[in-house]
PDB file of N, CA and C in Angstrom:
ATOM      1  N   MET A   1       9.155  26.815  20.054  1.00  0.00           N
ATOM      2  CA  MET A   1       8.236  25.801  19.552  1.00  0.00           C
ATOM      3  C   MET A   1       8.653  25.429  18.129  1.00  0.00           C
ATOM      4  N   GLY A   2       8.716  24.112  17.836  1.00  0.00           N
ATOM      5  CA  GLY A   2       9.132  23.636  16.525  1.00  0.00           C
ATOM      6  C   GLY A   2       8.003  23.663  15.515  1.00  0.00           C
ATOM      7  N   LYS A   3       8.331  23.225  14.327  1.00  0.00           N
ATOM      8  CA  LYS A   3       7.342  23.148  13.261  1.00  0.00           C
ATOM      9  C   LYS A   3       6.454  21.925  13.495  1.00  0.00           C
ATOM     10  N   GLU A   4       5.149  22.110  13.376  1.00  0.00           N
ATOM     11  CA  GLU A   4       4.208  21.027  13.627  1.00  0.00           C
ATOM     12  C   GLU A   4       3.252  20.859  12.462  1.00  0.00           C
ATOM     13  N   VAL A   5       2.914  19.606  12.164  1.00  0.00           N
ATOM     14  CA  VAL A   5       1.976  19.298  11.088  1.00  0.00           C
ATOM     15  C   VAL A   5       0.991  18.257  11.601  1.00  0.00           C
ATOM     16  N   ILE A   6      -0.274  18.461  11.310  1.00  0.00           N
ATOM     17  CA  ILE A   6      -1.323  17.486  11.615  1.00  0.00           C
ATOM     18  C   ILE A   6      -1.699  16.803  10.307  1.00  0.00           C
ATOM     19  N   ILE A   7      -1.752  15.483  10.336  1.00  0.00           N
ATOM     20  CA  ILE A   7      -2.092  14.695   9.150  1.00  0.00           C
ATOM     21  C   ILE A   7      -3.380  13.936   9.445  1.00  0.00           C
ATOM     22  N   ILE A   8      -4.334  14.048   8.541  1.00  0.00           N
ATOM     23  CA  ILE A   8      -5.604  13.341   8.664  1.00  0.00           C
ATOM     24  C   ILE A   8      -5.546  12.113   7.766  1.00  0.00           C
ATOM     25  N   GLY A   9      -5.604  10.945   8.362  1.00  0.00           N
ATOM     26  CA  GLY A   9      -5.592   9.700   7.607  1.00  0.00           C
ATOM     27  C   GLY A   9      -4.280   8.968   7.746  1.00  0.00           C
ATOM     28  N   ALA A  10      -4.355   7.717   8.196  1.00  0.00           N
ATOM     29  CA  ALA A  10      -3.163   6.904   8.394  1.00  0.00           C
ATOM     30  C   ALA A  10      -3.068   5.792   7.359  1.00  0.00           C
ATOM     31  N   GLY A  11      -3.372   6.152   6.102  1.00  0.00           N
ATOM     32  CA  GLY A  11      -3.130   5.238   4.994  1.00  0.00           C
ATOM     33  C   GLY A  11      -1.670   5.368   4.571  1.00  0.00           C
ATOM     34  N   LEU A  12      -1.338   4.783   3.422  1.00  0.00           N
ATOM     35  CA  LEU A  12       0.047   4.855   2.949  1.00  0.00           C
ATOM     36  C   LEU A  12       0.532   6.284   2.788  1.00  0.00           C
ATOM     37  N   SER A  13      -0.299   7.142   2.230  1.00  0.00           N
ATOM     38  CA  SER A  13       0.116   8.535   1.999  1.00  0.00           C
ATOM     39  C   SER A  13       0.322   9.284   3.306  1.00  0.00           C
ATOM     40  N   GLY A  14      -0.629   9.174   4.225  1.00  0.00           N
ATOM     41  CA  GLY A  14      -0.510   9.878   5.499  1.00  0.00           C
ATOM     42  C   GLY A  14       0.668   9.397   6.320  1.00  0.00           C
ATOM     43  N   LEU A  15       0.863   8.082   6.376  1.00  0.00           N
ATOM     44  CA  LEU A  15       1.989   7.532   7.132  1.00  0.00           C
ATOM     45  C   LEU A  15       3.320   7.918   6.498  1.00  0.00           C
ATOM     46  N   SER A  16       3.387   7.851   5.163  1.00  0.00           N
ATOM     47  CA  SER A  16       4.627   8.238   4.467  1.00  0.00           C
ATOM     48  C   SER A  16       4.933   9.712   4.671  1.00  0.00           C
ATOM     49  N   ALA A  17       3.908  10.549   4.545  1.00  0.00           N
ATOM     50  CA  ALA A  17       4.105  11.990   4.762  1.00  0.00           C
ATOM     51  C   ALA A  17       4.609  12.245   6.178  1.00  0.00           C
ATOM     52  N   GLY A  18       4.028  11.559   7.147  1.00  0.00           N
ATOM     53  CA  GLY A  18       4.459  11.717   8.532  1.00  0.00           C
ATOM     54  C   GLY A  18       5.909  11.327   8.728  1.00  0.00           C
ATOM     55  N   CYS A  19       6.318  10.217   8.112  1.00  0.00           N
ATOM     56  CA  CYS A  19       7.719   9.775   8.224  1.00  0.00           C
ATOM     57  C   CYS A  19       8.665  10.792   7.610  1.00  0.00           C
ATOM     58  N   TYR A  20       8.358  11.241   6.395  1.00  0.00           N
ATOM     59  CA  TYR A  20       9.243  12.203   5.726  1.00  0.00           C
ATOM     60  C   TYR A  20       9.284  13.540   6.470  1.00  0.00           C
ATOM     61  N   LEU A  21       8.154  13.977   6.984  1.00  0.00           N
ATOM     62  CA  LEU A  21       8.155  15.221   7.766  1.00  0.00           C
ATOM     63  C   LEU A  21       9.022  15.078   9.011  1.00  0.00           C
ATOM     64  N   ARG A  22       8.911  13.946   9.702  1.00  0.00           N
ATOM     65  CA  ARG A  22       9.743  13.718  10.894  1.00  0.00           C
ATOM     66  C   ARG A  22      11.223  13.679  10.526  1.00  0.00           C
ATOM     67  N   MET A  23      11.544  13.060   9.380  1.00  0.00           N
ATOM     68  CA  MET A  23      12.936  13.004   8.924  1.00  0.00           C
ATOM     69  C   MET A  23      13.495  14.402   8.657  1.00  0.00           C
ATOM     70  N   ASN A  24      12.596  15.354   8.421  1.00  0.00           N
ATOM     71  CA  ASN A  24      13.007  16.720   8.089  1.00  0.00           C
ATOM     72  C   ASN A  24      12.714  17.705   9.215  1.00  0.00           C
ATOM     73  N   GLY A  25      12.602  17.199  10.428  1.00  0.00           N
ATOM     74  CA  GLY A  25      12.543  18.057  11.596  1.00  0.00           C
ATOM     75  C   GLY A  25      11.186  18.554  12.046  1.00  0.00           C
ATOM     76  N   TYR A  26      10.112  18.030  11.485  1.00  0.00           N
ATOM     77  CA  TYR A  26       8.774  18.453  11.888  1.00  0.00           C
ATOM     78  C   TYR A  26       8.234  17.536  12.974  1.00  0.00           C
ATOM     79  N   ASN A  27       7.448  18.079  13.873  1.00  0.00           N
ATOM     80  CA  ASN A  27       6.657  17.277  14.807  1.00  0.00           C
ATOM     81  C   ASN A  27       5.352  16.962  14.093  1.00  0.00           C
ATOM     82  N   THR A  28       4.945  15.709  14.124  1.00  0.00           N
ATOM     83  CA  THR A  28       3.730  15.326  13.404  1.00  0.00           C
ATOM     84  C   THR A  28       2.763  14.607  14.319  1.00  0.00           C
ATOM     85  N   SER A  29       1.492  14.787  14.021  1.00  0.00           N
ATOM     86  CA  SER A  29       0.416  14.026  14.660  1.00  0.00           C
ATOM     87  C   SER A  29      -0.447  13.482  13.535  1.00  0.00           C
ATOM     88  N   ILE A  30      -0.671  12.167  13.549  1.00  0.00           N
ATOM     89  CA  ILE A  30      -1.478  11.527  12.514  1.00  0.00           C
ATOM     90  C   ILE A  30      -2.765  11.025  13.164  1.00  0.00           C
ATOM     91  N   PHE A  31      -3.897  11.394  12.575  1.00  0.00           N
ATOM     92  CA  PHE A  31      -5.200  10.992  13.095  1.00  0.00           C
ATOM     93  C   PHE A  31      -5.891  10.076  12.089  1.00  0.00           C
ATOM     94  N   GLU A  32      -6.415   8.969  12.603  1.00  0.00           N
ATOM     95  CA  GLU A  32      -7.103   7.974  11.776  1.00  0.00           C
ATOM     96  C   GLU A  32      -8.416   7.621  12.447  1.00  0.00           C
ATOM     97  N   MET A  33      -9.505   7.546  11.673  1.00  0.00           N
ATOM     98  CA  MET A  33     -10.807   7.264  12.267  1.00  0.00           C
ATOM     99  C   MET A  33     -11.021   5.776  12.555  1.00  0.00           C
ATOM    100  N   HIS A  34     -10.275   4.908  11.881  1.00  0.00           N
ATOM    101  CA  HIS A  34     -10.426   3.466  12.112  1.00  0.00           C
ATOM    102  C   HIS A  34      -9.468   3.000  13.200  1.00  0.00           C
ATOM    103  N   SER A  35      -9.687   1.791  13.681  1.00  0.00           N
ATOM    104  CA  SER A  35      -8.813   1.248  14.728  1.00  0.00           C
ATOM    105  C   SER A  35      -7.488   0.746  14.164  1.00  0.00           C
ATOM    106  N   ASN A  36      -7.425   0.487  12.843  1.00  0.00           N
ATOM    107  CA  ASN A  36      -6.197   0.023  12.191  1.00  0.00           C
ATOM    108  C   ASN A  36      -5.676   1.081  11.232  1.00  0.00           C
ATOM    109  N   THR A  37      -4.371   1.137  11.106  1.00  0.00           N
ATOM    110  CA  THR A  37      -3.769   2.018  10.108  1.00  0.00           C
ATOM    111  C   THR A  37      -3.555   1.243   8.816  1.00  0.00           C
ATOM    112  N   GLY A  38      -3.271   1.961   7.750  1.00  0.00           N
ATOM    113  CA  GLY A  38      -2.925   1.311   6.497  1.00  0.00           C
ATOM    114  C   GLY A  38      -3.848   1.609   5.334  1.00  0.00           C
ATOM    115  N   GLY A  39      -4.996   2.193   5.583  1.00  0.00           N
ATOM    116  CA  GLY A  39      -5.909   2.508   4.481  1.00  0.00           C
ATOM    117  C   GLY A  39      -6.283   1.267   3.702  1.00  0.00           C
ATOM    118  N   VAL A  40      -6.134   1.328   2.357  1.00  0.00           N
ATOM    119  CA  VAL A  40      -6.507   0.181   1.521  1.00  0.00           C
ATOM    120  C   VAL A  40      -5.534  -0.979   1.629  1.00  0.00           C
ATOM    121  N   CYS A  41      -4.453  -0.811   2.365  1.00  0.00           N
ATOM    122  CA  CYS A  41      -3.530  -1.931   2.617  1.00  0.00           C
ATOM    123  C   CYS A  41      -3.914  -2.712   3.860  1.00  0.00           C
ATOM    124  N   THR A  42      -5.030  -2.396   4.453  1.00  0.00           N
ATOM    125  CA  THR A  42      -5.447  -3.060   5.677  1.00  0.00           C
ATOM    126  C   THR A  42      -5.989  -4.451   5.369  1.00  0.00           C
ATOM    127  N   GLY A  43      -5.606  -5.395   6.178  1.00  0.00           N
ATOM    128  CA  GLY A  43      -6.152  -6.741   6.107  1.00  0.00           C
ATOM    129  C   GLY A  43      -6.542  -7.162   7.513  1.00  0.00           C
ATOM    130  N   TRP A  44      -7.373  -8.149   7.621  1.00  0.00           N
ATOM    131  CA  TRP A  44      -7.775  -8.619   8.938  1.00  0.00           C
ATOM    132  C   TRP A  44      -8.106 -10.101   8.874  1.00  0.00           C
ATOM    133  N   LYS A  45      -8.100 -10.736  10.016  1.00  0.00           N
ATOM    134  CA  LYS A  45      -8.426 -12.158  10.115  1.00  0.00           C
ATOM    135  C   LYS A  45      -9.743 -12.326  10.859  1.00  0.00           C
ATOM    136  N   ARG A  46     -10.518 -13.258  10.401  1.00  0.00           N
ATOM    137  CA  ARG A  46     -11.724 -13.673  11.102  1.00  0.00           C
ATOM    138  C   ARG A  46     -11.752 -15.195  11.038  1.00  0.00           C
ATOM    139  N   LYS A  47     -11.655 -15.809  12.214  1.00  0.00           N
ATOM    140  CA  LYS A  47     -11.506 -17.267  12.329  1.00  0.00           C
ATOM    141  C   LYS A  47     -10.271 -17.685  11.532  1.00  0.00           C
ATOM    142  N   GLU A  48     -10.383 -18.637  10.613  1.00  0.00           N
ATOM    143  CA  GLU A  48      -9.214 -19.094   9.864  1.00  0.00           C
ATOM    144  C   GLU A  48      -9.036 -18.367   8.526  1.00  0.00           C
ATOM    145  N   TYR A  49      -9.825 -17.327   8.285  1.00  0.00           N
ATOM    146  CA  TYR A  49      -9.776 -16.619   7.006  1.00  0.00           C
ATOM    147  C   TYR A  49      -9.057 -15.278   7.133  1.00  0.00           C
ATOM    148  N   THR A  50      -8.339 -14.911   6.086  1.00  0.00           N
ATOM    149  CA  THR A  50      -7.706 -13.594   5.997  1.00  0.00           C
ATOM    150  C   THR A  50      -8.427 -12.800   4.925  1.00  0.00           C
ATOM    151  N   PHE A  51      -8.806 -11.575   5.248  1.00  0.00           N
ATOM    152  CA  PHE A  51      -9.506 -10.704   4.312  1.00  0.00           C
ATOM    153  C   PHE A  51      -8.576  -9.595   3.865  1.00  0.00           C
ATOM    154  N   ASP A  52      -8.529  -9.361   2.557  1.00  0.00           N
ATOM    155  CA  ASP A  52      -7.747  -8.274   1.984  1.00  0.00           C
ATOM    156  C   ASP A  52      -8.703  -7.115   1.785  1.00  0.00           C
ATOM    157  N   GLY A  53      -8.410  -5.991   2.417  1.00  0.00           N
ATOM    158  CA  GLY A  53      -9.317  -4.857   2.395  1.00  0.00           C
ATOM    159  C   GLY A  53      -9.373  -4.083   1.100  1.00  0.00           C
ATOM    160  N   ALA A  54      -8.757  -4.516   0.044  1.00  0.00           N
ATOM    161  CA  ALA A  54      -8.867  -3.917  -1.281  1.00  0.00           C
ATOM    162  C   ALA A  54      -7.527  -3.688  -1.950  1.00  0.00           C
ATOM    163  N   MET A  55      -6.439  -3.947  -1.285  1.00  0.00           N
ATOM    164  CA  MET A  55      -5.137  -3.710  -1.900  1.00  0.00           C
ATOM    165  C   MET A  55      -4.858  -4.803  -2.919  1.00  0.00           C
ATOM    166  N   HIS A  56      -4.713  -4.433  -4.184  1.00  0.00           N
ATOM    167  CA  HIS A  56      -4.446  -5.406  -5.235  1.00  0.00           C
ATOM    168  C   HIS A  56      -3.084  -5.199  -5.877  1.00  0.00           C
ATOM    169  N   TRP A  57      -2.554  -3.997  -5.731  1.00  0.00           N
ATOM    170  CA  TRP A  57      -1.331  -3.690  -6.462  1.00  0.00           C
ATOM    171  C   TRP A  57      -0.538  -2.664  -5.688  1.00  0.00           C
ATOM    172  N   LEU A  58       0.691  -2.963  -5.394  1.00  0.00           N
ATOM    173  CA  LEU A  58       1.560  -2.051  -4.673  1.00  0.00           C
ATOM    174  C   LEU A  58       2.771  -1.780  -5.547  1.00  0.00           C
ATOM    175  N   VAL A  59       2.928  -0.543  -5.987  1.00  0.00           N
ATOM    176  CA  VAL A  59       4.062  -0.206  -6.842  1.00  0.00           C
ATOM    177  C   VAL A  59       5.340  -0.171  -6.027  1.00  0.00           C
ATOM    178  N   GLY A  60       6.449  -0.418  -6.714  1.00  0.00           N
ATOM    179  CA  GLY A  60       7.750  -0.310  -6.082  1.00  0.00           C
ATOM    180  C   GLY A  60       8.232  -1.549  -5.381  1.00  0.00           C
ATOM    181  N   THR A  61       7.690  -2.704  -5.725  1.00  0.00           N
ATOM    182  CA  THR A  61       8.131  -3.928  -5.066  1.00  0.00           C
ATOM    183  C   THR A  61       9.329  -4.559  -5.766  1.00  0.00           C
ATOM    184  N   LYS A  62       9.717  -4.019  -6.905  1.00  0.00           N
ATOM    185  CA  LYS A  62      10.858  -4.555  -7.648  1.00  0.00           C
ATOM    186  C   LYS A  62      12.117  -3.780  -7.265  1.00  0.00           C
ATOM    187  N   PRO A  63      13.126  -4.478  -6.734  1.00  0.00           N
ATOM    188  CA  PRO A  63      14.370  -3.779  -6.388  1.00  0.00           C
ATOM    189  C   PRO A  63      14.921  -3.017  -7.597  1.00  0.00           C
ATOM    190  N   GLY A  64      15.389  -1.813  -7.340  1.00  0.00           N
ATOM    191  CA  GLY A  64      15.924  -0.978  -8.404  1.00  0.00           C
ATOM    192  C   GLY A  64      14.931   0.046  -8.941  1.00  0.00           C
ATOM    193  N   SER A  65      13.636  -0.141  -8.666  1.00  0.00           N
ATOM    194  CA  SER A  65      12.656   0.832  -9.137  1.00  0.00           C
ATOM    195  C   SER A  65      12.671   2.053  -8.222  1.00  0.00           C
ATOM    196  N   SER A  66      12.190   3.176  -8.741  1.00  0.00           N
ATOM    197  CA  SER A  66      12.218   4.413  -7.954  1.00  0.00           C
ATOM    198  C   SER A  66      11.342   4.317  -6.703  1.00  0.00           C
ATOM    199  N   PHE A  67      10.214   3.644  -6.785  1.00  0.00           N
ATOM    200  CA  PHE A  67       9.362   3.496  -5.606  1.00  0.00           C
ATOM    201  C   PHE A  67       9.992   2.568  -4.567  1.00  0.00           C
ATOM    202  N   TYR A  68      10.770   1.579  -5.027  1.00  0.00           N
ATOM    203  CA  TYR A  68      11.452   0.683  -4.092  1.00  0.00           C
ATOM    204  C   TYR A  68      12.408   1.488  -3.218  1.00  0.00           C
ATOM    205  N   LYS A  69      13.041   2.491  -3.812  1.00  0.00           N
ATOM    206  CA  LYS A  69      13.937   3.370  -3.044  1.00  0.00           C
ATOM    207  C   LYS A  69      13.156   4.080  -1.933  1.00  0.00           C
ATOM    208  N   ILE A  70      11.962   4.544  -2.251  1.00  0.00           N
ATOM    209  CA  ILE A  70      11.122   5.219  -1.244  1.00  0.00           C
ATOM    210  C   ILE A  70      10.769   4.252  -0.124  1.00  0.00           C
ATOM    211  N   TRP A  71      10.344   3.031  -0.487  1.00  0.00           N
ATOM    212  CA  TRP A  71      10.006   2.040   0.541  1.00  0.00           C
ATOM    213  C   TRP A  71      11.228   1.768   1.427  1.00  0.00           C
ATOM    214  N   GLY A  72      12.410   1.733   0.831  1.00  0.00           N
ATOM    215  CA  GLY A  72      13.630   1.523   1.597  1.00  0.00           C
ATOM    216  C   GLY A  72      13.904   2.669   2.557  1.00  0.00           C
ATOM    217  N   GLU A  73      13.712   3.898   2.095  1.00  0.00           N
ATOM    218  CA  GLU A  73      13.905   5.071   2.955  1.00  0.00           C
ATOM    219  C   GLU A  73      12.958   5.045   4.150  1.00  0.00           C
ATOM    220  N   LEU A  74      11.763   4.515   3.935  1.00  0.00           N
ATOM    221  CA  LEU A  74      10.770   4.456   5.000  1.00  0.00           C
ATOM    222  C   LEU A  74      10.954   3.220   5.890  1.00  0.00           C
ATOM    223  N   GLY A  75      11.903   2.354   5.541  1.00  0.00           N
ATOM    224  CA  GLY A  75      12.181   1.179   6.352  1.00  0.00           C
ATOM    225  C   GLY A  75      11.238   0.018   6.141  1.00  0.00           C
ATOM    226  N   VAL A  76      10.506   0.038   5.050  1.00  0.00           N
ATOM    227  CA  VAL A  76       9.482  -0.987   4.814  1.00  0.00           C
ATOM    228  C   VAL A  76      10.065  -2.272   4.239  1.00  0.00           C
ATOM    229  N   THR A  77      11.120  -2.179   3.442  1.00  0.00           N
ATOM    230  CA  THR A  77      11.613  -3.343   2.703  1.00  0.00           C
ATOM    231  C   THR A  77      12.397  -4.338   3.543  1.00  0.00           C
ATOM    232  N   LYS A  78      12.733  -3.986   4.764  1.00  0.00           N
ATOM    233  CA  LYS A  78      13.517  -4.890   5.615  1.00  0.00           C
ATOM    234  C   LYS A  78      12.703  -6.135   5.943  1.00  0.00           C
ATOM    235  N   GLY A  79      13.147  -7.255   5.423  1.00  0.00           N
ATOM    236  CA  GLY A  79      12.518  -8.530   5.753  1.00  0.00           C
ATOM    237  C   GLY A  79      11.163  -8.780   5.115  1.00  0.00           C
ATOM    238  N   TRP A  80      10.769  -7.980   4.130  1.00  0.00           N
ATOM    239  CA  TRP A  80       9.445  -8.222   3.554  1.00  0.00           C
ATOM    240  C   TRP A  80       9.509  -9.313   2.502  1.00  0.00           C
ATOM    241  N   ASN A  81       8.413 -10.003   2.344  1.00  0.00           N
ATOM    242  CA  ASN A  81       8.253 -11.010   1.299  1.00  0.00           C
ATOM    243  C   ASN A  81       7.170 -10.516   0.359  1.00  0.00           C
ATOM    244  N   VAL A  82       7.523 -10.372  -0.906  1.00  0.00           N
ATOM    245  CA  VAL A  82       6.570  -9.900  -1.907  1.00  0.00           C
ATOM    246  C   VAL A  82       6.214 -11.064  -2.814  1.00  0.00           C
ATOM    247  N   PHE A  83       4.932 -11.282  -3.006  1.00  0.00           N
ATOM    248  CA  PHE A  83       4.444 -12.326  -3.878  1.00  0.00           C
ATOM    249  C   PHE A  83       3.828 -11.672  -5.107  1.00  0.00           C
ATOM    250  N   ASN A  84       4.461 -11.846  -6.253  1.00  0.00           N
ATOM    251  CA  ASN A  84       3.957 -11.282  -7.499  1.00  0.00           C
ATOM    252  C   ASN A  84       3.115 -12.333  -8.198  1.00  0.00           C
ATOM    253  N   HIS A  85       1.848 -12.034  -8.338  1.00  0.00           N
ATOM    254  CA  HIS A  85       0.908 -12.967  -8.952  1.00  0.00           C
ATOM    255  C   HIS A  85       0.858 -12.743 -10.457  1.00  0.00           C
ATOM    256  N   ASP A  86       0.372 -13.739 -11.185  1.00  0.00           N
ATOM    257  CA  ASP A  86       0.316 -13.617 -12.641  1.00  0.00           C
ATOM    258  C   ASP A  86      -0.842 -12.729 -13.104  1.00  0.00           C
ATOM    259  N   ARG A  87      -1.839 -12.523 -12.253  1.00  0.00           N
ATOM    260  CA  ARG A  87      -2.969 -11.668 -12.606  1.00  0.00           C
ATOM    261  C   ARG A  87      -3.012 -10.456 -11.692  1.00  0.00           C
ATOM    262  N   PHE A  88      -3.229  -9.305 -12.291  1.00  0.00           N
ATOM    263  CA  PHE A  88      -3.362  -8.067 -11.534  1.00  0.00           C
ATOM    264  C   PHE A  88      -4.785  -7.922 -11.019  1.00  0.00           C
ATOM    265  N   MET A  89      -5.746  -8.233 -11.888  1.00  0.00           N
ATOM    266  CA  MET A  89      -7.149  -8.073 -11.508  1.00  0.00           C
ATOM    267  C   MET A  89      -8.023  -8.842 -12.493  1.00  0.00           C
ATOM    268  N   ILE A  90      -9.178  -9.280 -12.020  1.00  0.00           N
ATOM    269  CA  ILE A  90     -10.188  -9.892 -12.879  1.00  0.00           C
ATOM    270  C   ILE A  90     -11.483  -9.116 -12.666  1.00  0.00           C
ATOM    271  N   ALA A  91     -12.022  -8.586 -13.755  1.00  0.00           N
ATOM    272  CA  ALA A  91     -13.286  -7.852 -13.693  1.00  0.00           C
ATOM    273  C   ALA A  91     -14.377  -8.727 -14.294  1.00  0.00           C
ATOM    274  N   GLU A  92     -15.516  -8.776 -13.606  1.00  0.00           N
ATOM    275  CA  GLU A  92     -16.634  -9.573 -14.094  1.00  0.00           C
ATOM    276  C   GLU A  92     -17.805  -8.663 -14.386  1.00  0.00           C
ATOM    277  N   GLY A  93     -18.365  -8.795 -15.595  1.00  0.00           N
ATOM    278  CA  GLY A  93     -19.508  -7.995 -15.996  1.00  0.00           C
ATOM    279  C   GLY A  93     -20.811  -8.602 -15.512  1.00  0.00           C
ATOM    280  N   THR A  94     -21.892  -7.869 -15.674  1.00  0.00           N
ATOM    281  CA  THR A  94     -23.205  -8.349 -15.230  1.00  0.00           C
ATOM    282  C   THR A  94     -23.661  -9.578 -16.010  1.00  0.00           C
ATOM    283  N   ASN A  95     -23.075  -9.792 -17.205  1.00  0.00           N
ATOM    284  CA  ASN A  95     -23.434 -10.952 -18.017  1.00  0.00           C
ATOM    285  C   ASN A  95     -22.616 -12.190 -17.652  1.00  0.00           C
ATOM    286  N   GLY A  96     -21.725 -12.062 -16.655  1.00  0.00           N
ATOM    287  CA  GLY A  96     -20.910 -13.191 -16.213  1.00  0.00           C
ATOM    288  C   GLY A  96     -19.589 -13.332 -16.940  1.00  0.00           C
ATOM    289  N   LYS A  97     -19.374 -12.549 -17.999  1.00  0.00           N
ATOM    290  CA  LYS A  97     -18.099 -12.603 -18.714  1.00  0.00           C
ATOM    291  C   LYS A  97     -17.024 -11.912 -17.883  1.00  0.00           C
ATOM    292  N   THR A  98     -15.805 -12.420 -18.003  1.00  0.00           N
ATOM    293  CA  THR A  98     -14.706 -11.855 -17.236  1.00  0.00           C
ATOM    294  C   THR A  98     -13.632 -11.286 -18.160  1.00  0.00           C
ATOM    295  N   LEU A  99     -12.923 -10.301 -17.646  1.00  0.00           N
ATOM    296  CA  LEU A  99     -11.776  -9.700 -18.326  1.00  0.00           C
ATOM    297  C   LEU A  99     -10.619  -9.787 -17.346  1.00  0.00           C
ATOM    298  N   THR A 100      -9.551 -10.470 -17.757  1.00  0.00           N
ATOM    299  CA  THR A 100      -8.398 -10.660 -16.889  1.00  0.00           C
ATOM    300  C   THR A 100      -7.302  -9.682 -17.269  1.00  0.00           C
ATOM    301  N   PHE A 101      -6.794  -8.976 -16.278  1.00  0.00           N
ATOM    302  CA  PHE A 101      -5.662  -8.072 -16.458  1.00  0.00           C
ATOM    303  C   PHE A 101      -4.426  -8.796 -15.931  1.00  0.00           C
ATOM    304  N   TYR A 102      -3.570  -9.221 -16.840  1.00  0.00           N
ATOM    305  CA  TYR A 102      -2.376  -9.960 -16.453  1.00  0.00           C
ATOM    306  C   TYR A 102      -1.243  -9.011 -16.083  1.00  0.00           C
ATOM    307  N   ALA A 103      -0.400  -9.449 -15.155  1.00  0.00           N
ATOM    308  CA  ALA A 103       0.748  -8.654 -14.739  1.00  0.00           C
ATOM    309  C   ALA A 103       1.810  -8.610 -15.830  1.00  0.00           C
ATOM    310  N   ASP A 104       1.942  -9.676 -16.591  1.00  0.00           N
ATOM    311  CA  ASP A 104       2.905  -9.730 -17.685  1.00  0.00           C
ATOM    312  C   ASP A 104       2.350  -8.932 -18.861  1.00  0.00           C
ATOM    313  N   ILE A 105       3.066  -7.888 -19.273  1.00  0.00           N
ATOM    314  CA  ILE A 105       2.573  -6.991 -20.324  1.00  0.00           C
ATOM    315  C   ILE A 105       2.333  -7.717 -21.642  1.00  0.00           C
ATOM    316  N   ASN A 106       3.153  -8.702 -21.971  1.00  0.00           N
ATOM    317  CA  ASN A 106       2.955  -9.454 -23.220  1.00  0.00           C
ATOM    318  C   ASN A 106       1.707 -10.316 -23.150  1.00  0.00           C
ATOM    319  N   ARG A 107       1.462 -10.909 -22.019  1.00  0.00           N
ATOM    320  CA  ARG A 107       0.250 -11.715 -21.855  1.00  0.00           C
ATOM    321  C   ARG A 107      -0.992 -10.819 -21.826  1.00  0.00           C
ATOM    322  N   LEU A 108      -0.873  -9.634 -21.259  1.00  0.00           N
ATOM    323  CA  LEU A 108      -1.993  -8.696 -21.222  1.00  0.00           C
ATOM    324  C   LEU A 108      -2.397  -8.295 -22.631  1.00  0.00           C
ATOM    325  N   GLU A 109      -1.422  -8.098 -23.500  1.00  0.00           N
ATOM    326  CA  GLU A 109      -1.703  -7.695 -24.887  1.00  0.00           C
ATOM    327  C   GLU A 109      -2.578  -8.736 -25.565  1.00  0.00           C
TER     328      GLU A 109
END
């Protein structure tokens, strides 16, 4: 009998762990309570609208970065299109004022 690992959760971490364990000779079983995998990277469509389930920032989308290497090892970067927006996040306070977090570090300053 080989080495076996059970993983709870099919988000990015659980799926990545499962891939790396399989690459290193382990048998893996991944269990997810939802009907879709992906955790906070999950999106869905309803009628003509697309809903983003909370993913706002994914590290490692720039070629040459250390996380990009990981995505490549996992086979994710093949044929992907990454759209880098000028804003990372906008937070709105109870008074209606907003604080914008820009992706460009100089603009954020």
